[in-house]
């Protein structure tokens, strides 16, 4: 199981990748949006 810091680093990396100009294909953007949302829910549930 990965620790929270590692998950947060991966989340930030994915966010930067999504915001870069190379990642402007709508299907890829949508996929990352769902992935980011799922990661957010996971992190949120651990802190409730």
PDB file of N, CA and C in Angstrom:
ATOM      1  N   UNK A   1       0.842  -1.191   0.000  1.00  0.00           N
ATOM      2  CA  UNK A   1       0.000   0.000   0.000  1.00  0.00           C
ATOM      3  C   UNK A   1       0.884   1.250   0.000  1.00  0.00           C
ATOM      4  N   UNK A   2       0.568   2.173  -0.862  1.00  0.00           N
ATOM      5  CA  UNK A   2       1.354   3.407  -0.933  1.00  0.00           C
ATOM      6  C   UNK A   2       0.937   4.368   0.163  1.00  0.00           C
ATOM      7  N   UNK A   3       1.899   5.163   0.619  1.00  0.00           N
ATOM      8  CA  UNK A   3       1.550   6.126   1.655  1.00  0.00           C
ATOM      9  C   UNK A   3       0.945   7.383   1.032  1.00  0.00           C
ATOM     10  N   UNK A   4       0.365   8.211   1.873  1.00  0.00           N
ATOM     11  CA  UNK A   4      -0.368   9.390   1.397  1.00  0.00           C
ATOM     12  C   UNK A   4       0.528  10.345   0.609  1.00  0.00           C
ATOM     13  N   UNK A   5       1.768  10.527   1.066  1.00  0.00           N
ATOM     14  CA  UNK A   5       2.676  11.459   0.389  1.00  0.00           C
ATOM     15  C   UNK A   5       2.935  11.025  -1.059  1.00  0.00           C
ATOM     16  N   UNK A   6       3.137   9.724  -1.255  1.00  0.00           N
ATOM     17  CA  UNK A   6       3.382   9.209  -2.600  1.00  0.00           C
ATOM     18  C   UNK A   6       2.161   9.411  -3.493  1.00  0.00           C
ATOM     19  N   UNK A   7       0.980   9.179  -2.936  1.00  0.00           N
ATOM     20  CA  UNK A   7      -0.260   9.364  -3.704  1.00  0.00           C
ATOM     21  C   UNK A   7      -0.433  10.836  -4.067  1.00  0.00           C
ATOM     22  N   UNK A   8      -0.162  11.730  -3.113  1.00  0.00           N
ATOM     23  CA  UNK A   8      -0.286  13.163  -3.382  1.00  0.00           C
ATOM     24  C   UNK A   8       0.710  13.614  -4.457  1.00  0.00           C
ATOM     25  N   UNK A   9       1.936  13.088  -4.404  1.00  0.00           N
ATOM     26  CA  UNK A   9       2.928  13.435  -5.431  1.00  0.00           C
ATOM     27  C   UNK A   9       2.438  13.007  -6.807  1.00  0.00           C
ATOM     28  N   UNK A  10       1.890  11.801  -6.891  1.00  0.00           N
ATOM     29  CA  UNK A  10       1.386  11.311  -8.171  1.00  0.00           C
ATOM     30  C   UNK A  10       0.223  12.173  -8.657  1.00  0.00           C
ATOM     31  N   UNK A  11      -0.644  12.571  -7.732  1.00  0.00           N
ATOM     32  CA  UNK A  11      -1.784  13.417  -8.062  1.00  0.00           C
ATOM     33  C   UNK A  11      -1.311  14.749  -8.633  1.00  0.00           C
ATOM     34  N   UNK A  12      -0.321  15.369  -7.962  1.00  0.00           N
ATOM     35  CA  UNK A  12       0.212  16.655  -8.432  1.00  0.00           C
ATOM     36  C   UNK A  12       0.868  16.502  -9.802  1.00  0.00           C
ATOM     37  N   UNK A  13       1.604  15.395  -9.995  1.00  0.00           N
ATOM     38  CA  UNK A  13       2.240  15.142 -11.285  1.00  0.00           C
ATOM     39  C   UNK A  13       1.188  15.029 -12.387  1.00  0.00           C
ATOM     40  N   UNK A  14       0.130  14.271 -12.113  1.00  0.00           N
ATOM     41  CA  UNK A  14      -0.929  14.112 -13.109  1.00  0.00           C
ATOM     42  C   UNK A  14      -1.617  15.435 -13.404  1.00  0.00           C
ATOM     43  N   UNK A  15      -1.797  16.256 -12.367  1.00  0.00           N
ATOM     44  CA  UNK A  15      -2.417  17.565 -12.557  1.00  0.00           C
ATOM     45  C   UNK A  15      -1.564  18.433 -13.480  1.00  0.00           C
ATOM     46  N   UNK A  16      -0.243  18.427 -13.263  1.00  0.00           N
ATOM     47  CA  UNK A  16       0.660  19.205 -14.116  1.00  0.00           C
ATOM     48  C   UNK A  16       0.617  18.691 -15.548  1.00  0.00           C
ATOM     49  N   UNK A  17       0.615  17.359 -15.704  1.00  0.00           N
ATOM     50  CA  UNK A  17       0.559  16.776 -17.042  1.00  0.00           C
ATOM     51  C   UNK A  17      -0.723  17.175 -17.756  1.00  0.00           C
ATOM     52  N   UNK A  18      -1.822  17.156 -17.024  1.00  0.00           N
ATOM     53  CA  UNK A  18      -3.114  17.496 -17.618  1.00  0.00           C
ATOM     54  C   UNK A  18      -3.140  18.946 -18.063  1.00  0.00           C
ATOM     55  N   UNK A  19      -2.492  19.816 -17.290  1.00  0.00           N
ATOM     56  CA  UNK A  19      -2.494  21.243 -17.604  1.00  0.00           C
ATOM     57  C   UNK A  19      -1.522  21.621 -18.722  1.00  0.00           C
ATOM     58  N   UNK A  20      -0.615  20.715 -19.081  1.00  0.00           N
ATOM     59  CA  UNK A  20       0.360  21.037 -20.121  1.00  0.00           C
ATOM     60  C   UNK A  20      -0.318  21.100 -21.491  1.00  0.00           C
ATOM     61  N   UNK A  21       0.297  21.814 -22.404  1.00  0.00           N
ATOM     62  CA  UNK A  21      -0.273  22.003 -23.740  1.00  0.00           C
ATOM     63  C   UNK A  21      -0.377  20.704 -24.529  1.00  0.00           C
ATOM     64  N   UNK A  22       0.472  19.738 -24.225  1.00  0.00           N
ATOM     65  CA  UNK A  22       0.471  18.483 -24.975  1.00  0.00           C
ATOM     66  C   UNK A  22      -0.745  17.619 -24.657  1.00  0.00           C
ATOM     67  N   UNK A  23      -1.368  17.867 -23.520  1.00  0.00           N
ATOM     68  CA  UNK A  23      -2.485  17.030 -23.090  1.00  0.00           C
ATOM     69  C   UNK A  23      -3.823  17.702 -23.397  1.00  0.00           C
ATOM     70  N   UNK A  24      -4.017  18.113 -24.627  1.00  0.00           N
ATOM     71  CA  UNK A  24      -5.241  18.849 -24.936  1.00  0.00           C
ATOM     72  C   UNK A  24      -6.293  18.001 -25.650  1.00  0.00           C
ATOM     73  N   UNK A  25      -6.025  16.716 -25.848  1.00  0.00           N
ATOM     74  CA  UNK A  25      -7.015  15.845 -26.467  1.00  0.00           C
ATOM     75  C   UNK A  25      -8.148  15.607 -25.469  1.00  0.00           C
ATOM     76  N   UNK A  26      -9.365  15.841 -25.886  1.00  0.00           N
ATOM     77  CA  UNK A  26     -10.508  15.837 -24.970  1.00  0.00           C
ATOM     78  C   UNK A  26     -10.711  14.491 -24.278  1.00  0.00           C
ATOM     79  N   UNK A  27     -10.515  13.391 -24.996  1.00  0.00           N
ATOM     80  CA  UNK A  27     -10.692  12.069 -24.376  1.00  0.00           C
ATOM     81  C   UNK A  27      -9.696  11.826 -23.259  1.00  0.00           C
ATOM     82  N   UNK A  28      -8.443  12.231 -23.480  1.00  0.00           N
ATOM     83  CA  UNK A  28      -7.408  12.075 -22.459  1.00  0.00           C
ATOM     84  C   UNK A  28      -7.727  12.973 -21.270  1.00  0.00           C
ATOM     85  N   UNK A  29      -8.134  14.195 -21.551  1.00  0.00           N
ATOM     86  CA  UNK A  29      -8.490  15.143 -20.484  1.00  0.00           C
ATOM     87  C   UNK A  29      -9.618  14.567 -19.622  1.00  0.00           C
ATOM     88  N   UNK A  30     -10.626  13.998 -20.267  1.00  0.00           N
ATOM     89  CA  UNK A  30     -11.758  13.430 -19.545  1.00  0.00           C
ATOM     90  C   UNK A  30     -11.310  12.259 -18.668  1.00  0.00           C
ATOM     91  N   UNK A  31     -10.439  11.395 -19.215  1.00  0.00           N
ATOM     92  CA  UNK A  31      -9.950  10.250 -18.461  1.00  0.00           C
ATOM     93  C   UNK A  31      -9.213  10.716 -17.200  1.00  0.00           C
ATOM     94  N   UNK A  32      -8.336  11.708 -17.345  1.00  0.00           N
ATOM     95  CA  UNK A  32      -7.594  12.210 -16.196  1.00  0.00           C
ATOM     96  C   UNK A  32      -8.516  12.894 -15.188  1.00  0.00           C
ATOM     97  N   UNK A  33      -9.559  13.550 -15.680  1.00  0.00           N
ATOM     98  CA  UNK A  33     -10.508  14.196 -14.771  1.00  0.00           C
ATOM     99  C   UNK A  33     -11.176  13.154 -13.883  1.00  0.00           C
ATOM    100  N   UNK A  34     -11.593  12.027 -14.468  1.00  0.00           N
ATOM    101  CA  UNK A  34     -12.214  10.967 -13.671  1.00  0.00           C
ATOM    102  C   UNK A  34     -11.206  10.373 -12.693  1.00  0.00           C
ATOM    103  N   UNK A  35      -9.963  10.208 -13.151  1.00  0.00           N
ATOM    104  CA  UNK A  35      -8.918   9.639 -12.304  1.00  0.00           C
ATOM    105  C   UNK A  35      -8.626  10.557 -11.121  1.00  0.00           C
ATOM    106  N   UNK A  36      -8.524  11.854 -11.396  1.00  0.00           N
ATOM    107  CA  UNK A  36      -8.276  12.831 -10.329  1.00  0.00           C
ATOM    108  C   UNK A  36      -9.426  12.838  -9.324  1.00  0.00           C
ATOM    109  N   UNK A  37     -10.652  12.748  -9.824  1.00  0.00           N
ATOM    110  CA  UNK A  37     -11.825  12.737  -8.944  1.00  0.00           C
ATOM    111  C   UNK A  37     -11.802  11.511  -8.043  1.00  0.00           C
ATOM    112  N   UNK A  38     -11.490  10.349  -8.609  1.00  0.00           N
ATOM    113  CA  UNK A  38     -11.420   9.116  -7.822  1.00  0.00           C
ATOM    114  C   UNK A  38     -10.326   9.209  -6.766  1.00  0.00           C
ATOM    115  N   UNK A  39      -9.174   9.761  -7.132  1.00  0.00           N
ATOM    116  CA  UNK A  39      -8.087   9.939  -6.165  1.00  0.00           C
ATOM    117  C   UNK A  39      -8.519  10.877  -5.053  1.00  0.00           C
ATOM    118  N   UNK A  40      -9.202  11.939  -5.397  1.00  0.00           N
ATOM    119  CA  UNK A  40      -9.682  12.891  -4.405  1.00  0.00           C
ATOM    120  C   UNK A  40     -10.633  12.242  -3.419  1.00  0.00           C
ATOM    121  N   UNK A  41     -11.549  11.418  -3.931  1.00  0.00           N
ATOM    122  CA  UNK A  41     -12.487  10.722  -3.055  1.00  0.00           C
ATOM    123  C   UNK A  41     -11.730   9.799  -2.103  1.00  0.00           C
ATOM    124  N   UNK A  42     -10.732   9.091  -2.620  1.00  0.00           N
ATOM    125  CA  UNK A  42      -9.960   8.164  -1.800  1.00  0.00           C
ATOM    126  C   UNK A  42      -9.262   8.900  -0.664  1.00  0.00           C
ATOM    127  N   UNK A  43      -8.612  10.017  -0.995  1.00  0.00           N
ATOM    128  CA  UNK A  43      -7.913  10.795   0.021  1.00  0.00           C
ATOM    129  C   UNK A  43      -8.892  11.371   1.037  1.00  0.00           C
ATOM    130  N   UNK A  44     -10.048  11.815   0.565  1.00  0.00           N
ATOM    131  CA  UNK A  44     -11.066  12.410   1.421  1.00  0.00           C
ATOM    132  C   UNK A  44     -11.604  11.380   2.419  1.00  0.00           C
ATOM    133  N   UNK A  45     -11.901  10.175   1.938  1.00  0.00           N
ATOM    134  CA  UNK A  45     -12.463   9.142   2.796  1.00  0.00           C
ATOM    135  C   UNK A  45     -11.499   8.758   3.911  1.00  0.00           C
ATOM    136  N   UNK A  46     -10.208   8.795   3.635  1.00  0.00           N
ATOM    137  CA  UNK A  46      -9.223   8.406   4.635  1.00  0.00           C
ATOM    138  C   UNK A  46      -9.173   9.412   5.774  1.00  0.00           C
ATOM    139  N   UNK A  47      -9.627  10.647   5.534  1.00  0.00           N
ATOM    140  CA  UNK A  47      -9.518  11.694   6.547  1.00  0.00           C
ATOM    141  C   UNK A  47     -10.828  11.941   7.283  1.00  0.00           C
ATOM    142  N   UNK A  48     -11.887  11.224   6.890  1.00  0.00           N
ATOM    143  CA  UNK A  48     -13.188  11.429   7.542  1.00  0.00           C
ATOM    144  C   UNK A  48     -13.240  10.630   8.840  1.00  0.00           C
TER     145      UNK A  48
END
